[in-house]
């Protein structure tokens, strides 16, 4: 991961930045699935956890060859009027590293109960005692609102930037450009 590209949202009077970032990220995800999963990571350099904002900038990380190839696809179609795309740049030598990962909330106790019943063979009353409605988890993390291509339902993709570390950790990135192990350069 020696190269990066910044994609910056332009101000738009009709759409809030959160809506545009969700649309941009949805297009990125679909483009990444078609292109080459695993080779491109993302970060949000302007993230502000205290106000749950990912900011106005999406940064793509990878090799120069991979990023140039990805940018030559049509993944930004429909977003070009809403973004400014910087040229590929070399990561500064002073960059540190961090993991940017997806966090999934356990926010649906009913679904958890159904899984528990299926796995353990217990009855509904026992499942309710084991997983009460109060067990629903609420995350205080920034998120994107995406639409599932298979079901058409909207969902929140929560993004967490872990602590900055000195050493890079190599690994694969998933279909969202996120990883629970691999780091991206942070500067």
Protein backbone atom coordinates (compact mmCIF):
# COMPACT_ATOMS: atom_id res chain seq x y z
CA UNK A 1 0.00 0.00 0.00
CA UNK A 2 2.35 2.64 -1.24
CA UNK A 3 -0.16 4.76 -3.15
CA UNK A 4 -3.41 6.56 -2.36
CA UNK A 5 -6.14 8.55 -4.09
CA UNK A 6 -8.34 11.07 -2.29
CA UNK A 7 -11.93 11.51 -3.43
CA UNK A 8 -13.43 14.66 -1.94
CA UNK A 9 -17.14 15.44 -1.84
CA UNK A 10 -18.07 18.80 -3.34
CA UNK A 11 -20.63 20.94 -1.50
CA UNK A 12 -24.13 20.40 -2.86
CA UNK A 13 -27.18 22.46 -1.88
CA UNK A 14 -29.55 19.57 -2.63
CA UNK A 15 -27.85 16.70 -0.77
CA UNK A 16 -26.16 16.56 2.62
CA UNK A 17 -22.58 15.25 2.70
CA UNK A 18 -23.69 12.10 4.56
CA UNK A 19 -26.05 11.17 1.72
CA UNK A 20 -23.38 11.80 -0.91
CA UNK A 21 -20.76 9.79 1.02
CA UNK A 22 -23.17 6.87 1.32
CA UNK A 23 -23.88 7.02 -2.44
CA UNK A 24 -20.16 7.28 -3.24
CA UNK A 25 -19.31 4.37 -0.98
CA UNK A 26 -22.11 2.25 -2.44
CA UNK A 27 -20.67 2.83 -5.91
CA UNK A 28 -17.18 2.07 -4.63
CA UNK A 29 -18.38 -1.22 -3.12
CA UNK A 30 -20.12 -2.33 -6.33
CA UNK A 31 -17.06 -1.34 -8.38
CA UNK A 32 -14.71 -3.18 -6.04
CA UNK A 33 -16.76 -6.37 -6.24
CA UNK A 34 -16.49 -6.25 -10.04
CA UNK A 35 -12.81 -5.28 -10.07
CA UNK A 36 -10.54 -6.97 -7.56
CA UNK A 37 -11.55 -7.62 -3.98
CA UNK A 38 -8.74 -7.75 -1.49
CA UNK A 39 -6.26 -5.36 -3.09
CA UNK A 40 -7.79 -1.96 -2.22
CA UNK A 41 -8.35 -0.59 1.27
CA UNK A 42 -10.20 2.56 2.31
CA UNK A 43 -10.07 5.12 5.05
CA UNK A 44 -11.86 8.32 5.94
CA UNK A 45 -9.11 10.84 6.83
CA UNK A 46 -11.60 13.41 8.17
CA UNK A 47 -13.39 10.97 10.50
CA UNK A 48 -14.72 12.48 13.73
CA UNK A 49 -15.97 9.79 16.07
CA UNK A 50 -17.28 12.25 18.66
CA UNK A 51 -19.93 13.49 16.22
CA UNK A 52 -20.21 10.19 14.28
CA UNK A 53 -19.03 11.71 11.01
CA UNK A 54 -16.88 10.08 8.35
CA UNK A 55 -16.16 13.49 6.85
CA UNK A 56 -16.07 14.55 3.21
CA UNK A 57 -13.11 12.53 1.98
CA UNK A 58 -12.80 8.89 0.94
CA UNK A 59 -9.21 7.69 0.57
CA UNK A 60 -8.40 4.62 -1.52
CA UNK A 61 -5.19 2.73 -0.68
CA UNK A 62 -3.29 0.24 -2.81
CA UNK A 63 -0.50 -0.09 -5.32
CA UNK A 64 -0.19 2.40 -8.17
CA UNK A 65 -1.09 -0.28 -10.71
CA UNK A 66 -4.15 -1.46 -8.79
CA UNK A 67 -5.52 2.03 -8.13
CA UNK A 68 -4.98 3.16 -11.73
CA UNK A 69 -6.72 0.05 -13.02
CA UNK A 70 -9.65 0.54 -10.65
CA UNK A 71 -9.98 4.22 -11.57
CA UNK A 72 -10.19 3.26 -15.26
CA UNK A 73 -13.39 1.33 -14.61
CA UNK A 74 -16.77 3.10 -14.66
CA UNK A 75 -17.33 2.88 -10.89
CA UNK A 76 -17.70 6.68 -10.47
CA UNK A 77 -20.47 6.99 -13.09
CA UNK A 78 -23.19 9.26 -11.74
CA UNK A 79 -20.95 10.73 -9.02
CA UNK A 80 -18.45 12.76 -11.06
CA UNK A 81 -20.46 15.99 -10.63
CA UNK A 82 -20.36 15.52 -6.85
CA UNK A 83 -16.69 14.74 -6.28
CA UNK A 84 -13.17 15.94 -6.91
CA UNK A 85 -10.73 13.08 -7.57
CA UNK A 86 -7.07 13.68 -6.86
CA UNK A 87 -4.29 11.99 -8.81
CA UNK A 88 -2.59 8.95 -7.35
CA UNK A 89 0.07 10.00 -4.83
CA UNK A 90 2.84 8.23 -2.97
CA UNK A 91 2.16 7.58 0.72
CA UNK A 92 4.45 9.78 2.88
CA UNK A 93 7.35 7.91 4.47
CA UNK A 94 6.28 9.23 7.88
CA UNK A 95 2.84 7.60 7.66
CA UNK A 96 1.73 5.47 10.54
CA UNK A 97 -0.87 2.73 10.24
CA UNK A 98 -4.28 1.72 11.47
CA UNK A 99 -7.02 -0.79 10.91
CA UNK A 100 -10.27 0.50 9.44
CA UNK A 101 -12.95 -2.11 9.95
CA UNK A 102 -16.65 -2.79 9.79
CA UNK A 103 -18.49 -3.29 13.06
CA UNK A 104 -21.84 -5.06 13.00
CA UNK A 105 -24.29 -4.25 15.78
CA UNK A 106 -26.35 -6.98 17.38
CA UNK A 107 -29.39 -4.74 17.17
CA UNK A 108 -32.14 -7.27 16.49
CA UNK A 109 -32.89 -9.44 19.55
CA UNK A 110 -35.60 -11.34 17.66
CA UNK A 111 -33.12 -12.50 15.03
CA UNK A 112 -30.65 -13.48 17.75
CA UNK A 113 -33.38 -15.50 19.49
CA UNK A 114 -34.25 -17.38 16.28
CA UNK A 115 -30.60 -18.29 15.84
CA UNK A 116 -30.35 -19.41 19.47
CA UNK A 117 -33.48 -21.57 19.12
CA UNK A 118 -32.11 -23.16 15.94
CA UNK A 119 -28.65 -23.78 17.41
CA UNK A 120 -29.57 -24.91 20.93
CA UNK A 121 -33.02 -26.40 20.38
CA UNK A 122 -34.58 -24.36 23.19
CA UNK A 123 -38.10 -22.96 23.26
CA UNK A 124 -39.15 -19.35 22.65
CA UNK A 125 -39.59 -18.49 26.34
CA UNK A 126 -36.07 -19.68 27.15
CA UNK A 127 -34.70 -17.67 24.22
CA UNK A 128 -36.49 -14.51 25.46
CA UNK A 129 -34.99 -15.01 28.92
CA UNK A 130 -31.53 -15.52 27.44
CA UNK A 131 -31.80 -12.56 25.03
CA UNK A 132 -34.20 -9.88 26.31
CA UNK A 133 -35.20 -6.89 24.18
CA UNK A 134 -32.81 -4.79 26.26
CA UNK A 135 -29.90 -6.77 24.75
CA UNK A 136 -30.15 -4.75 21.55
CA UNK A 137 -26.76 -3.16 20.94
CA UNK A 138 -26.49 0.46 19.87
CA UNK A 139 -23.21 1.55 18.34
CA UNK A 140 -21.86 5.05 18.75
CA UNK A 141 -19.77 4.92 15.57
CA UNK A 142 -19.95 6.79 12.27
CA UNK A 143 -21.81 4.89 9.56
CA UNK A 144 -22.86 4.83 5.94
CA UNK A 145 -26.39 4.04 4.80
CA UNK A 146 -26.22 1.48 2.01
CA UNK A 147 -28.80 -0.49 0.07
CA UNK A 148 -28.47 -4.24 -0.28
CA UNK A 149 -28.36 -5.26 -3.93
CA UNK A 150 -29.93 -8.62 -3.11
CA UNK A 151 -32.83 -7.54 -0.85
CA UNK A 152 -33.22 -3.84 -1.67
CA UNK A 153 -33.23 -3.05 2.06
CA UNK A 154 -31.21 -0.23 3.54
CA UNK A 155 -28.73 -0.94 6.30
CA UNK A 156 -26.11 0.90 8.28
CA UNK A 157 -22.49 -0.01 7.73
CA UNK A 158 -20.66 1.10 10.89
CA UNK A 159 -16.99 2.01 10.40
CA UNK A 160 -14.38 2.01 13.14
CA UNK A 161 -10.85 3.40 12.86
CA UNK A 162 -8.75 1.53 15.43
CA UNK A 163 -5.76 2.99 17.29
CA UNK A 164 -2.81 4.25 15.29
CA UNK A 165 0.15 1.88 15.27
CA UNK A 166 3.74 2.11 14.06
CA UNK A 167 3.93 -1.13 12.08
CA UNK A 168 1.96 -2.05 8.98
CA UNK A 169 0.07 -5.34 8.94
CA UNK A 170 -0.48 -6.93 5.54
CA UNK A 171 -3.67 -8.72 4.68
CA UNK A 172 -6.73 -8.82 2.47
CA UNK A 173 -9.50 -6.26 2.32
CA UNK A 174 -13.12 -7.25 1.89
CA UNK A 175 -15.76 -6.11 -0.55
CA UNK A 176 -16.05 -2.79 1.30
CA UNK A 177 -12.29 -2.11 1.31
CA UNK A 178 -12.25 -2.77 5.07
CA UNK A 179 -10.34 -5.33 7.12
CA UNK A 180 -10.28 -6.42 10.74
CA UNK A 181 -6.55 -7.24 10.48
CA UNK A 182 -4.83 -5.41 7.59
CA UNK A 183 -3.77 -1.81 8.12
CA UNK A 184 -3.85 1.19 5.82
CA UNK A 185 -1.34 4.07 5.95
CA UNK A 186 -2.57 6.91 8.15
CA UNK A 187 -1.35 10.47 7.72
